[in-house]
Amino acid sequence: MSNNTLVNVIVWSAFFIIMLILVPFSLKRLRENRKYKAKQEAQYQSDRLEYAYLDEKKLDALSGEKLVEAVIYQCLRKEDEDDNYFQHLSEAEKTIYAIYQVNQTVSSNAGLRSFFISPASEPFLKDLVTYYKNIGAFDVAEVVRNAGILNKIMETDDDSLEKDMSPEYVTYNFSDLTHEYVTLVVGTNFTTKMAQYVEEHKEEFIERGAEDETVSR
């Protein structure tokens, strides 16, 4: 057997040994990931059903991020049931749901621009800045305000609108504004602000007749 042949045999033998070790490990990780995702999906569907209708008892039992999520689940249910759902939401529901919609867009790597040009976002745009101010997120509200102006500039090609932008953001493009938005949301107690807002406006999230709906399901 030549030296080259021997080397090839050694290399391929080592390769197969490594594969025998790695393949079962990789398959195990894949199965674990699938189980985890299935568990997450099951929990999501369970929570959506549980919090589709909110009453005082359910709200009082929740806090923090879970409280905010419960409100979002109720809003999702309303959107599923009614094409004109937005006009039937309370101011507090609009506030939480609008912010949720923006965060969903940004977390999907689509950027703030995608939110502003999406037809589904149209109902939220008029008072979008106000919604952030409602929860006390004034820095984020300013980013959103400037993003709205930049969107108008891009739609109308009217550079004179730049005078309405904040000096620190006038040179920003949408990628910059999206990055600033994410930085502020991640780097501040943003979820805490949302949860506190829900706590302070619980009455606006209570679905009248929710007890009956819960029993019927």
N, C-alpha and C. Protein backbone atom coordinates (compact mmCIF):
# COMPACT_ATOMS: atom_id res chain seq x y z
N MET A 1 0.85 -1.20 0.00
CA MET A 1 0.00 0.00 0.00
C MET A 1 0.88 1.25 0.00
N SER A 2 0.66 2.17 -0.95
CA SER A 2 1.47 3.37 -1.04
C SER A 2 1.16 4.31 0.12
N ASN A 3 2.08 5.27 0.32
CA ASN A 3 1.89 6.25 1.39
C ASN A 3 0.62 7.07 1.18
N ASN A 4 0.36 7.46 -0.08
CA ASN A 4 -0.83 8.26 -0.38
C ASN A 4 -2.10 7.49 -0.07
N THR A 5 -2.09 6.21 -0.44
CA THR A 5 -3.26 5.38 -0.17
C THR A 5 -3.49 5.25 1.33
N LEU A 6 -2.40 5.07 2.07
CA LEU A 6 -2.50 4.94 3.53
C LEU A 6 -3.06 6.21 4.16
N VAL A 7 -2.56 7.35 3.66
CA VAL A 7 -3.05 8.64 4.16
C VAL A 7 -4.54 8.78 3.89
N ASN A 8 -4.95 8.41 2.68
CA ASN A 8 -6.38 8.50 2.32
C ASN A 8 -7.24 7.62 3.22
N VAL A 9 -6.73 6.42 3.48
CA VAL A 9 -7.47 5.50 4.35
C VAL A 9 -7.63 6.09 5.74
N ILE A 10 -6.54 6.66 6.26
CA ILE A 10 -6.57 7.26 7.60
C ILE A 10 -7.53 8.44 7.65
N VAL A 11 -7.45 9.30 6.62
CA VAL A 11 -8.31 10.49 6.57
C VAL A 11 -9.77 10.09 6.51
N TRP A 12 -10.10 9.16 5.62
CA TRP A 12 -11.50 8.75 5.48
C TRP A 12 -11.99 8.00 6.71
N SER A 13 -11.13 7.23 7.31
CA SER A 13 -11.51 6.52 8.54
C SER A 13 -11.83 7.52 9.65
N ALA A 14 -10.97 8.53 9.76
CA ALA A 14 -11.19 9.57 10.77
C ALA A 14 -12.49 10.32 10.49
N PHE A 15 -12.74 10.57 9.21
CA PHE A 15 -13.97 11.28 8.82
C PHE A 15 -15.21 10.50 9.24
N PHE A 16 -15.20 9.20 8.94
CA PHE A 16 -16.37 8.37 9.27
C PHE A 16 -16.55 8.24 10.78
N ILE A 17 -15.45 8.17 11.51
CA ILE A 17 -15.54 8.11 12.98
C ILE A 17 -16.18 9.38 13.53
N ILE A 18 -15.72 10.52 13.00
CA ILE A 18 -16.27 11.81 13.43
C ILE A 18 -17.75 11.89 13.10
N MET A 19 -18.12 11.43 11.90
CA MET A 19 -19.52 11.47 11.50
C MET A 19 -20.37 10.58 12.39
N LEU A 20 -19.83 9.42 12.76
CA LEU A 20 -20.57 8.51 13.65
C LEU A 20 -20.84 9.16 15.00
N ILE A 21 -19.94 10.05 15.40
CA ILE A 21 -20.12 10.77 16.67
C ILE A 21 -21.08 11.94 16.51
N LEU A 22 -20.88 12.71 15.43
CA LEU A 22 -21.62 13.96 15.25
C LEU A 22 -23.06 13.76 14.80
N VAL A 23 -23.29 12.80 13.90
CA VAL A 23 -24.64 12.63 13.35
C VAL A 23 -25.68 12.33 14.43
N PRO A 24 -25.43 11.35 15.31
CA PRO A 24 -26.43 11.11 16.37
C PRO A 24 -26.64 12.33 17.26
N PHE A 25 -25.54 13.04 17.54
CA PHE A 25 -25.63 14.25 18.37
C PHE A 25 -26.47 15.31 17.67
N SER A 26 -26.23 15.50 16.37
CA SER A 26 -26.98 16.49 15.60
C SER A 26 -28.46 16.13 15.52
N LEU A 27 -28.73 14.84 15.31
CA LEU A 27 -30.13 14.39 15.24
C LEU A 27 -30.83 14.60 16.58
N LYS A 28 -30.09 14.36 17.67
CA LYS A 28 -30.66 14.58 19.00
C LYS A 28 -31.00 16.05 19.20
N ARG A 29 -30.07 16.93 18.81
CA ARG A 29 -30.31 18.37 18.93
C ARG A 29 -31.50 18.80 18.09
N LEU A 30 -31.61 18.23 16.88
CA LEU A 30 -32.72 18.55 15.99
C LEU A 30 -34.05 18.14 16.60
N ARG A 31 -34.08 16.94 17.18
CA ARG A 31 -35.31 16.47 17.84
C ARG A 31 -35.67 17.35 19.03
N GLU A 32 -34.64 17.74 19.80
CA GLU A 32 -34.88 18.60 20.96
C GLU A 32 -35.42 19.96 20.53
N ASN A 33 -34.86 20.50 19.45
CA ASN A 33 -35.32 21.79 18.95
C ASN A 33 -36.77 21.71 18.47
N ARG A 34 -37.10 20.61 17.79
CA ARG A 34 -38.47 20.43 17.31
C ARG A 34 -39.44 20.32 18.48
N LYS A 35 -39.03 19.58 19.51
CA LYS A 35 -39.89 19.44 20.69
C LYS A 35 -40.09 20.78 21.38
N TYR A 36 -39.00 21.55 21.46
CA TYR A 36 -39.08 22.86 22.11
C TYR A 36 -40.00 23.80 21.35
N LYS A 37 -39.85 23.80 20.01
CA LYS A 37 -40.71 24.66 19.19
C LYS A 37 -42.16 24.22 19.27
N ALA A 38 -42.38 22.91 19.29
CA ALA A 38 -43.75 22.39 19.42
C ALA A 38 -44.36 22.78 20.76
N LYS A 39 -43.53 22.72 21.80
CA LYS A 39 -43.99 23.11 23.14
C LYS A 39 -44.33 24.60 23.18
N GLN A 40 -43.47 25.41 22.55
CA GLN A 40 -43.72 26.85 22.49
C GLN A 40 -45.01 27.16 21.74
N GLU A 41 -45.21 26.50 20.62
CA GLU A 41 -46.41 26.72 19.81
C GLU A 41 -47.66 26.31 20.58
N ALA A 42 -47.56 25.18 21.30
CA ALA A 42 -48.71 24.71 22.09
C ALA A 42 -49.04 25.71 23.19
N GLN A 43 -47.99 26.25 23.83
CA GLN A 43 -48.21 27.24 24.90
C GLN A 43 -48.81 28.51 24.33
N TYR A 44 -48.33 28.92 23.16
CA TYR A 44 -48.86 30.12 22.50
C TYR A 44 -50.35 29.96 22.19
N GLN A 45 -50.71 28.83 21.61
CA GLN A 45 -52.11 28.59 21.28
C GLN A 45 -52.98 28.51 22.53
N SER A 46 -52.43 27.91 23.58
CA SER A 46 -53.16 27.82 24.85
C SER A 46 -53.39 29.20 25.45
N ASP A 47 -52.36 30.03 25.42
CA ASP A 47 -52.48 31.39 25.97
C ASP A 47 -53.43 32.24 25.14
N ARG A 48 -53.38 32.08 23.84
CA ARG A 48 -54.30 32.84 22.98
C ARG A 48 -55.75 32.51 23.31
N LEU A 49 -56.01 31.25 23.58
CA LEU A 49 -57.36 30.83 23.94
C LEU A 49 -57.73 31.33 25.33
N GLU A 50 -56.79 31.20 26.26
CA GLU A 50 -57.05 31.59 27.65
C GLU A 50 -57.33 33.09 27.79
N TYR A 51 -56.60 33.90 27.03
CA TYR A 51 -56.70 35.35 27.19
C TYR A 51 -57.39 36.03 26.01
N ALA A 52 -58.17 35.28 25.27
CA ALA A 52 -58.94 35.87 24.17
C ALA A 52 -59.98 36.85 24.69
N TYR A 53 -60.47 36.58 25.89
CA TYR A 53 -61.43 37.46 26.55
C TYR A 53 -60.89 37.75 27.95
N LEU A 54 -60.66 39.01 28.25
CA LEU A 54 -60.07 39.37 29.53
C LEU A 54 -61.12 39.89 30.50
N ASP A 55 -61.04 39.40 31.72
CA ASP A 55 -61.87 39.95 32.79
C ASP A 55 -60.94 40.42 33.91
N GLU A 56 -61.51 41.00 34.93
CA GLU A 56 -60.71 41.57 36.01
C GLU A 56 -59.87 40.51 36.71
N LYS A 57 -60.44 39.34 36.91
CA LYS A 57 -59.74 38.27 37.60
C LYS A 57 -58.48 37.85 36.84
N LYS A 58 -58.59 37.69 35.53
CA LYS A 58 -57.44 37.29 34.73
C LYS A 58 -56.35 38.37 34.76
N LEU A 59 -56.75 39.62 34.64
CA LEU A 59 -55.78 40.71 34.63
C LEU A 59 -55.08 40.82 35.98
N ASP A 60 -55.82 40.66 37.05
CA ASP A 60 -55.24 40.77 38.39
C ASP A 60 -54.24 39.65 38.69
N ALA A 61 -54.39 38.54 37.99
CA ALA A 61 -53.51 37.39 38.23
C ALA A 61 -52.19 37.48 37.46
N LEU A 62 -52.08 38.48 36.59
CA LEU A 62 -50.90 38.61 35.75
C LEU A 62 -50.10 39.86 36.09
N SER A 63 -48.84 39.85 35.68
CA SER A 63 -47.99 41.03 35.87
C SER A 63 -46.89 41.03 34.82
N GLY A 64 -46.25 42.17 34.67
CA GLY A 64 -45.12 42.28 33.76
C GLY A 64 -45.43 41.91 32.32
N GLU A 65 -44.52 41.18 31.71
CA GLU A 65 -44.64 40.82 30.30
C GLU A 65 -45.88 39.98 30.03
N LYS A 66 -46.24 39.10 30.97
CA LYS A 66 -47.41 38.24 30.80
C LYS A 66 -48.69 39.07 30.72
N LEU A 67 -48.73 40.15 31.47
CA LEU A 67 -49.90 41.04 31.45
C LEU A 67 -50.04 41.70 30.08
N VAL A 68 -48.92 42.16 29.54
CA VAL A 68 -48.93 42.78 28.22
C VAL A 68 -49.33 41.77 27.15
N GLU A 69 -48.79 40.56 27.24
CA GLU A 69 -49.11 39.52 26.27
C GLU A 69 -50.61 39.20 26.28
N ALA A 70 -51.20 39.16 27.46
CA ALA A 70 -52.63 38.86 27.56
C ALA A 70 -53.46 39.88 26.80
N VAL A 71 -53.10 41.15 26.93
CA VAL A 71 -53.80 42.22 26.22
C VAL A 71 -53.65 42.03 24.70
N ILE A 72 -52.46 41.67 24.28
CA ILE A 72 -52.21 41.45 22.85
C ILE A 72 -53.05 40.29 22.32
N TYR A 73 -53.16 39.22 23.09
CA TYR A 73 -53.97 38.08 22.67
C TYR A 73 -55.43 38.48 22.48
N GLN A 74 -55.94 39.32 23.37
CA GLN A 74 -57.32 39.77 23.21
C GLN A 74 -57.47 40.62 21.95
N CYS A 75 -56.50 41.47 21.69
CA CYS A 75 -56.54 42.31 20.48
C CYS A 75 -56.43 41.47 19.22
N LEU A 76 -55.61 40.44 19.26
CA LEU A 76 -55.48 39.53 18.11
C LEU A 76 -56.81 38.85 17.81
N ARG A 77 -57.50 38.45 18.87
CA ARG A 77 -58.81 37.83 18.70
C ARG A 77 -59.79 38.80 18.07
N LYS A 78 -59.78 40.04 18.51
CA LYS A 78 -60.69 41.05 17.96
C LYS A 78 -60.39 41.31 16.48
N GLU A 79 -59.11 41.33 16.14
CA GLU A 79 -58.73 41.53 14.73
C GLU A 79 -59.19 40.36 13.88
N ASP A 80 -59.07 39.15 14.41
CA ASP A 80 -59.51 37.95 13.68
C ASP A 80 -61.01 37.97 13.41
N GLU A 81 -61.76 38.52 14.34
CA GLU A 81 -63.22 38.45 14.27
C GLU A 81 -63.86 39.59 13.48
N ASP A 82 -63.15 40.72 13.36
CA ASP A 82 -63.79 41.91 12.80
C ASP A 82 -62.80 42.69 11.94
N ASP A 83 -63.12 42.86 10.67
CA ASP A 83 -62.24 43.63 9.78
C ASP A 83 -62.13 45.08 10.22
N ASN A 84 -63.15 45.58 10.89
CA ASN A 84 -63.16 46.96 11.38
C ASN A 84 -62.87 47.03 12.87
N TYR A 85 -62.05 46.09 13.33
CA TYR A 85 -61.79 45.96 14.76
C TYR A 85 -61.20 47.23 15.38
N PHE A 86 -60.38 47.95 14.62
CA PHE A 86 -59.62 49.06 15.19
C PHE A 86 -60.52 50.11 15.82
N GLN A 87 -61.61 50.44 15.14
CA GLN A 87 -62.49 51.49 15.65
C GLN A 87 -63.21 51.06 16.92
N HIS A 88 -63.19 49.76 17.23
CA HIS A 88 -63.86 49.27 18.44
C HIS A 88 -62.89 49.07 19.60
N LEU A 89 -61.60 49.30 19.37
CA LEU A 89 -60.62 49.18 20.44
C LEU A 89 -60.66 50.41 21.33
N SER A 90 -60.38 50.22 22.60
CA SER A 90 -60.24 51.36 23.51
C SER A 90 -58.91 52.05 23.22
N GLU A 91 -58.73 53.25 23.74
CA GLU A 91 -57.48 53.97 23.55
C GLU A 91 -56.31 53.16 24.11
N ALA A 92 -56.53 52.54 25.24
CA ALA A 92 -55.46 51.74 25.86
C ALA A 92 -55.12 50.52 25.00
N GLU A 93 -56.13 49.88 24.44
CA GLU A 93 -55.88 48.74 23.56
C GLU A 93 -55.13 49.17 22.30
N LYS A 94 -55.52 50.29 21.73
CA LYS A 94 -54.82 50.81 20.55
C LYS A 94 -53.36 51.07 20.87
N THR A 95 -53.11 51.61 22.05
CA THR A 95 -51.75 51.93 22.46
C THR A 95 -50.87 50.68 22.49
N ILE A 96 -51.32 49.67 23.21
CA ILE A 96 -50.52 48.45 23.35
C ILE A 96 -50.41 47.70 22.03
N TYR A 97 -51.51 47.63 21.30
CA TYR A 97 -51.51 46.85 20.06
C TYR A 97 -50.69 47.52 18.96
N ALA A 98 -50.73 48.84 18.91
CA ALA A 98 -49.93 49.56 17.91
C ALA A 98 -48.44 49.34 18.15
N ILE A 99 -48.03 49.46 19.41
CA ILE A 99 -46.62 49.24 19.75
C ILE A 99 -46.22 47.80 19.45
N TYR A 100 -47.10 46.88 19.75
CA TYR A 100 -46.84 45.47 19.43
C TYR A 100 -46.63 45.28 17.93
N GLN A 101 -47.46 45.91 17.12
CA GLN A 101 -47.35 45.77 15.67
C GLN A 101 -46.01 46.31 15.16
N VAL A 102 -45.59 47.44 15.70
CA VAL A 102 -44.30 48.00 15.30
C VAL A 102 -43.17 47.06 15.70
N ASN A 103 -43.22 46.58 16.93
CA ASN A 103 -42.17 45.69 17.42
C ASN A 103 -42.11 44.39 16.62
N GLN A 104 -43.26 43.88 16.21
CA GLN A 104 -43.29 42.68 15.38
C GLN A 104 -42.61 42.93 14.04
N THR A 105 -42.88 44.08 13.46
CA THR A 105 -42.27 44.42 12.18
C THR A 105 -40.76 44.53 12.30
N VAL A 106 -40.32 45.23 13.33
CA VAL A 106 -38.88 45.44 13.53
C VAL A 106 -38.17 44.13 13.87
N SER A 107 -38.80 43.29 14.67
CA SER A 107 -38.16 42.03 15.07
C SER A 107 -38.03 41.05 13.92
N SER A 108 -38.81 41.26 12.85
CA SER A 108 -38.71 40.40 11.67
C SER A 108 -37.66 40.91 10.69
N ASN A 109 -36.88 41.89 11.13
CA ASN A 109 -35.81 42.48 10.32
C ASN A 109 -36.34 43.26 9.12
N ALA A 110 -37.62 43.64 9.16
CA ALA A 110 -38.19 44.39 8.05
C ALA A 110 -37.89 45.89 8.17
N GLY A 111 -37.71 46.39 9.38
CA GLY A 111 -37.40 47.79 9.58
C GLY A 111 -38.63 48.66 9.71
N LEU A 112 -38.44 49.86 10.25
CA LEU A 112 -39.55 50.79 10.48
C LEU A 112 -40.25 51.19 9.19
N ARG A 113 -39.50 51.31 8.13
CA ARG A 113 -40.08 51.71 6.85
C ARG A 113 -41.20 50.75 6.44
N SER A 114 -40.99 49.47 6.65
CA SER A 114 -42.00 48.47 6.28
C SER A 114 -43.30 48.68 7.03
N PHE A 115 -43.20 49.11 8.28
CA PHE A 115 -44.42 49.36 9.05
C PHE A 115 -45.20 50.52 8.44
N PHE A 116 -44.51 51.58 8.09
CA PHE A 116 -45.19 52.77 7.58
C PHE A 116 -45.84 52.56 6.22
N ILE A 117 -45.30 51.66 5.42
CA ILE A 117 -45.85 51.47 4.07
C ILE A 117 -46.83 50.29 4.00
N SER A 118 -47.00 49.58 5.11
CA SER A 118 -47.93 48.45 5.11
C SER A 118 -49.37 48.93 5.22
N PRO A 119 -50.26 48.47 4.33
CA PRO A 119 -51.68 48.86 4.42
C PRO A 119 -52.31 48.49 5.76
N ALA A 120 -51.85 47.41 6.36
CA ALA A 120 -52.40 46.97 7.65
C ALA A 120 -52.07 47.94 8.77
N SER A 121 -51.04 48.76 8.58
CA SER A 121 -50.63 49.71 9.61
C SER A 121 -51.39 51.02 9.56
N GLU A 122 -52.11 51.24 8.48
CA GLU A 122 -52.75 52.55 8.24
C GLU A 122 -53.57 53.07 9.42
N PRO A 123 -54.39 52.24 10.08
CA PRO A 123 -55.19 52.77 11.19
C PRO A 123 -54.35 53.32 12.34
N PHE A 124 -53.14 52.79 12.52
CA PHE A 124 -52.32 53.17 13.66
C PHE A 124 -51.50 54.44 13.44
N LEU A 125 -51.29 54.83 12.19
CA LEU A 125 -50.31 55.86 11.88
C LEU A 125 -50.66 57.24 12.43
N LYS A 126 -51.91 57.62 12.39
CA LYS A 126 -52.32 58.97 12.78
C LYS A 126 -51.87 59.32 14.20
N ASP A 127 -52.03 58.39 15.12
CA ASP A 127 -51.71 58.66 16.53
C ASP A 127 -50.55 57.81 17.04
N LEU A 128 -49.72 57.33 16.14
CA LEU A 128 -48.66 56.40 16.53
C LEU A 128 -47.71 57.01 17.57
N VAL A 129 -47.31 58.25 17.37
CA VAL A 129 -46.41 58.90 18.32
C VAL A 129 -47.08 59.02 19.68
N THR A 130 -48.36 59.34 19.68
CA THR A 130 -49.11 59.48 20.94
C THR A 130 -49.11 58.18 21.73
N TYR A 131 -49.21 57.06 21.04
CA TYR A 131 -49.25 55.77 21.73
C TYR A 131 -47.97 55.55 22.55
N TYR A 132 -46.84 55.94 21.99
CA TYR A 132 -45.58 55.79 22.74
C TYR A 132 -45.51 56.77 23.90
N LYS A 133 -46.03 57.95 23.70
CA LYS A 133 -46.07 58.92 24.79
C LYS A 133 -47.00 58.45 25.90
N ASN A 134 -48.05 57.73 25.52
CA ASN A 134 -49.00 57.23 26.52
C ASN A 134 -48.32 56.35 27.56
N ILE A 135 -47.34 55.56 27.13
CA ILE A 135 -46.66 54.67 28.08
C ILE A 135 -45.42 55.32 28.69
N GLY A 136 -45.16 56.57 28.32
CA GLY A 136 -44.01 57.28 28.87
C GLY A 136 -42.70 57.02 28.17
N ALA A 137 -42.76 56.45 26.96
CA ALA A 137 -41.55 56.16 26.18
C ALA A 137 -41.28 57.34 25.24
N PHE A 138 -40.89 58.46 25.79
CA PHE A 138 -40.78 59.69 25.01
C PHE A 138 -39.61 59.66 24.03
N ASP A 139 -38.51 59.03 24.41
CA ASP A 139 -37.36 58.92 23.49
C ASP A 139 -37.73 58.08 22.26
N VAL A 140 -38.44 56.99 22.50
CA VAL A 140 -38.87 56.14 21.39
C VAL A 140 -39.90 56.86 20.54
N ALA A 141 -40.78 57.62 21.19
CA ALA A 141 -41.79 58.40 20.47
C ALA A 141 -41.13 59.37 19.50
N GLU A 142 -40.01 59.94 19.92
CA GLU A 142 -39.31 60.90 19.06
C GLU A 142 -38.70 60.21 17.84
N VAL A 143 -38.19 59.01 18.04
CA VAL A 143 -37.67 58.23 16.90
C VAL A 143 -38.80 57.93 15.92
N VAL A 144 -39.94 57.51 16.45
CA VAL A 144 -41.09 57.18 15.60
C VAL A 144 -41.60 58.42 14.88
N ARG A 145 -41.60 59.56 15.57
CA ARG A 145 -42.05 60.81 14.93
C ARG A 145 -41.16 61.15 13.74
N ASN A 146 -39.86 61.04 13.93
CA ASN A 146 -38.93 61.34 12.84
C ASN A 146 -39.03 60.32 11.72
N ALA A 147 -39.30 59.08 12.06
CA ALA A 147 -39.50 58.05 11.04
C ALA A 147 -40.72 58.37 10.19
N GLY A 148 -41.77 58.88 10.84
CA GLY A 148 -42.97 59.27 10.11
C GLY A 148 -42.71 60.41 9.13
N ILE A 149 -41.91 61.37 9.57
CA ILE A 149 -41.56 62.49 8.69
C ILE A 149 -40.72 62.00 7.52
N LEU A 150 -39.73 61.16 7.81
CA LEU A 150 -38.88 60.62 6.74
C LEU A 150 -39.71 59.84 5.74
N ASN A 151 -40.70 59.12 6.22
CA ASN A 151 -41.57 58.37 5.32
C ASN A 151 -42.33 59.31 4.39
N LYS A 152 -42.81 60.44 4.92
CA LYS A 152 -43.51 61.43 4.09
C LYS A 152 -42.57 62.03 3.05
N ILE A 153 -41.33 62.28 3.45
CA ILE A 153 -40.34 62.82 2.52
C ILE A 153 -40.11 61.85 1.36
N MET A 154 -40.01 60.58 1.69
CA MET A 154 -39.77 59.57 0.66
C MET A 154 -40.99 59.38 -0.24
N GLU A 155 -42.18 59.55 0.32
CA GLU A 155 -43.40 59.40 -0.47
C GLU A 155 -43.66 60.59 -1.38
N THR A 156 -43.33 61.79 -0.88
CA THR A 156 -43.66 63.03 -1.61
C THR A 156 -42.47 63.67 -2.31
N ASP A 157 -41.26 63.18 -1.95
CA ASP A 157 -40.04 63.78 -2.49
C ASP A 157 -39.94 65.26 -2.12
N ASP A 158 -40.49 65.60 -0.95
CA ASP A 158 -40.49 66.99 -0.48
C ASP A 158 -39.45 67.14 0.63
N ASP A 159 -38.24 67.55 0.26
CA ASP A 159 -37.15 67.69 1.22
C ASP A 159 -37.37 68.82 2.22
N SER A 160 -38.31 69.71 1.93
CA SER A 160 -38.56 70.82 2.85
C SER A 160 -39.10 70.32 4.19
N LEU A 161 -39.62 69.10 4.21
CA LEU A 161 -40.15 68.53 5.45
C LEU A 161 -39.05 68.21 6.45
N GLU A 162 -37.80 68.23 5.99
CA GLU A 162 -36.68 67.95 6.89
C GLU A 162 -36.63 68.93 8.05
N LYS A 163 -37.18 70.13 7.84
CA LYS A 163 -37.16 71.14 8.90
C LYS A 163 -37.95 70.70 10.13
N ASP A 164 -38.85 69.74 9.94
CA ASP A 164 -39.67 69.25 11.05
C ASP A 164 -38.98 68.13 11.83
N MET A 165 -37.86 67.65 11.32
CA MET A 165 -37.15 66.56 11.99
C MET A 165 -36.26 67.11 13.09
N SER A 166 -35.99 66.29 14.08
CA SER A 166 -35.08 66.67 15.15
C SER A 166 -33.66 66.78 14.60
N PRO A 167 -32.87 67.76 15.06
CA PRO A 167 -31.52 67.95 14.54
C PRO A 167 -30.67 66.68 14.60
N GLU A 168 -30.83 65.89 15.67
CA GLU A 168 -30.00 64.70 15.83
C GLU A 168 -30.39 63.58 14.87
N TYR A 169 -31.57 63.69 14.26
CA TYR A 169 -32.04 62.62 13.38
C TYR A 169 -32.15 63.05 11.91
N VAL A 170 -31.87 64.29 11.61
CA VAL A 170 -32.11 64.79 10.26
C VAL A 170 -31.25 64.10 9.20
N THR A 171 -30.11 63.57 9.61
CA THR A 171 -29.23 62.89 8.65
C THR A 171 -29.45 61.37 8.65
N TYR A 172 -30.37 60.90 9.47
CA TYR A 172 -30.61 59.46 9.59
C TYR A 172 -31.43 58.93 8.41
N ASN A 173 -31.10 57.72 7.97
CA ASN A 173 -31.98 57.01 7.04
C ASN A 173 -32.82 56.02 7.84
N PHE A 174 -33.64 55.22 7.16
CA PHE A 174 -34.52 54.32 7.90
C PHE A 174 -33.76 53.22 8.64
N SER A 175 -32.65 52.80 8.10
CA SER A 175 -31.83 51.80 8.79
C SER A 175 -31.31 52.36 10.11
N ASP A 176 -30.87 53.62 10.06
CA ASP A 176 -30.38 54.28 11.27
C ASP A 176 -31.49 54.42 12.31
N LEU A 177 -32.66 54.84 11.85
CA LEU A 177 -33.78 55.03 12.77
C LEU A 177 -34.25 53.70 13.36
N THR A 178 -34.24 52.66 12.54
CA THR A 178 -34.61 51.33 13.05
C THR A 178 -33.63 50.87 14.11
N HIS A 179 -32.35 51.08 13.86
CA HIS A 179 -31.32 50.71 14.84
C HIS A 179 -31.50 51.49 16.13
N GLU A 180 -31.79 52.77 16.01
CA GLU A 180 -32.02 53.61 17.19
C GLU A 180 -33.24 53.14 17.96
N TYR A 181 -34.28 52.78 17.23
CA TYR A 181 -35.51 52.28 17.85
C TYR A 181 -35.22 51.02 18.66
N VAL A 182 -34.54 50.07 18.04
CA VAL A 182 -34.23 48.80 18.71
C VAL A 182 -33.34 49.04 19.93
N THR A 183 -32.36 49.92 19.78
CA THR A 183 -31.45 50.22 20.89
C THR A 183 -32.21 50.78 22.09
N LEU A 184 -33.13 51.69 21.83
CA LEU A 184 -33.90 52.29 22.92
C LEU A 184 -34.87 51.29 23.56
N VAL A 185 -35.50 50.47 22.74
CA VAL A 185 -36.45 49.49 23.27
C VAL A 185 -35.73 48.43 24.10
N VAL A 186 -34.61 47.94 23.59
CA VAL A 186 -33.87 46.89 24.29
C VAL A 186 -33.13 47.45 25.50
N GLY A 187 -32.62 48.66 25.37
CA GLY A 187 -31.77 49.22 26.42
C GLY A 187 -32.50 49.95 27.53
N THR A 188 -33.81 50.03 27.46
CA THR A 188 -34.58 50.70 28.51
C THR A 188 -35.60 49.73 29.09
N ASN A 189 -36.29 50.19 30.12
CA ASN A 189 -37.32 49.36 30.76
C ASN A 189 -38.64 49.48 30.00
N PHE A 190 -38.57 49.18 28.71
CA PHE A 190 -39.70 49.40 27.81
C PHE A 190 -40.89 48.52 28.16
N THR A 191 -40.63 47.23 28.35
CA THR A 191 -41.72 46.31 28.69
C THR A 191 -42.35 46.68 30.02
N THR A 192 -41.53 47.14 30.95
CA THR A 192 -42.04 47.58 32.25
C THR A 192 -42.99 48.75 32.09
N LYS A 193 -42.65 49.67 31.19
CA LYS A 193 -43.53 50.81 30.92
C LYS A 193 -44.87 50.35 30.36
N MET A 194 -44.81 49.38 29.44
CA MET A 194 -46.05 48.86 28.86
C MET A 194 -46.90 48.17 29.93
N ALA A 195 -46.26 47.37 30.77
CA ALA A 195 -46.99 46.66 31.82
C ALA A 195 -47.60 47.63 32.82
N GLN A 196 -46.85 48.67 33.16
CA GLN A 196 -47.37 49.67 34.09
C GLN A 196 -48.57 50.40 33.49
N TYR A 197 -48.50 50.67 32.21
CA TYR A 197 -49.62 51.32 31.52
C TYR A 197 -50.86 50.45 31.58
N VAL A 198 -50.69 49.15 31.34
CA VAL A 198 -51.83 48.23 31.42
C VAL A 198 -52.40 48.21 32.83
N GLU A 199 -51.51 48.16 33.82
CA GLU A 199 -51.95 48.17 35.22
C GLU A 199 -52.80 49.39 35.53
N GLU A 200 -52.38 50.53 34.99
CA GLU A 200 -53.06 51.80 35.29
C GLU A 200 -54.34 51.99 34.49
N HIS A 201 -54.55 51.16 33.47
CA HIS A 201 -55.73 51.31 32.60
C HIS A 201 -56.48 49.99 32.45
N LYS A 202 -56.49 49.19 33.51
CA LYS A 202 -57.09 47.85 33.43
C LYS A 202 -58.54 47.88 32.95
N GLU A 203 -59.27 48.88 33.39
CA GLU A 203 -60.69 48.94 33.03
C GLU A 203 -60.90 48.97 31.52
N GLU A 204 -59.94 49.54 30.80
CA GLU A 204 -60.07 49.66 29.35
C GLU A 204 -59.78 48.35 28.61
N PHE A 205 -59.26 47.38 29.34
CA PHE A 205 -58.94 46.09 28.72
C PHE A 205 -59.95 45.01 29.07
N ILE A 206 -60.82 45.30 30.02
CA ILE A 206 -61.80 44.30 30.44
C ILE A 206 -62.89 44.18 29.40
N GLU A 207 -63.10 42.97 28.95
CA GLU A 207 -64.13 42.67 27.96
C GLU A 207 -65.43 42.34 28.69
N ARG A 208 -66.40 43.19 28.55
CA ARG A 208 -67.67 42.95 29.24
C ARG A 208 -68.30 41.66 28.74
N GLY A 209 -68.71 40.83 29.68
CA GLY A 209 -69.26 39.53 29.30
C GLY A 209 -68.18 38.48 29.13
N ALA A 210 -66.94 38.82 29.51
CA ALA A 210 -65.83 37.88 29.33
C ALA A 210 -66.04 36.61 30.14
N GLU A 211 -66.64 36.74 31.32
CA GLU A 211 -66.88 35.56 32.14
C GLU A 211 -67.77 34.56 31.40
N ASP A 212 -68.80 35.07 30.74
CA ASP A 212 -69.71 34.20 29.99
C ASP A 212 -69.01 33.53 28.82
N GLU A 213 -68.13 34.30 28.13
CA GLU A 213 -67.40 33.75 26.99
C GLU A 213 -66.47 32.63 27.45
N THR A 214 -65.83 32.86 28.62
CA THR A 214 -64.89 31.86 29.14
C THR A 214 -65.62 30.57 29.48
N VAL A 215 -66.79 30.71 30.10
CA VAL A 215 -67.58 29.53 30.47
C VAL A 215 -68.04 28.77 29.23
N SER A 216 -68.47 29.52 28.20
CA SER A 216 -69.01 28.89 26.99
C SER A 216 -67.95 28.12 26.23
N ARG A 217 -66.67 28.53 26.38
CA ARG A 217 -65.60 27.83 25.69
C ARG A 217 -65.14 26.62 26.49
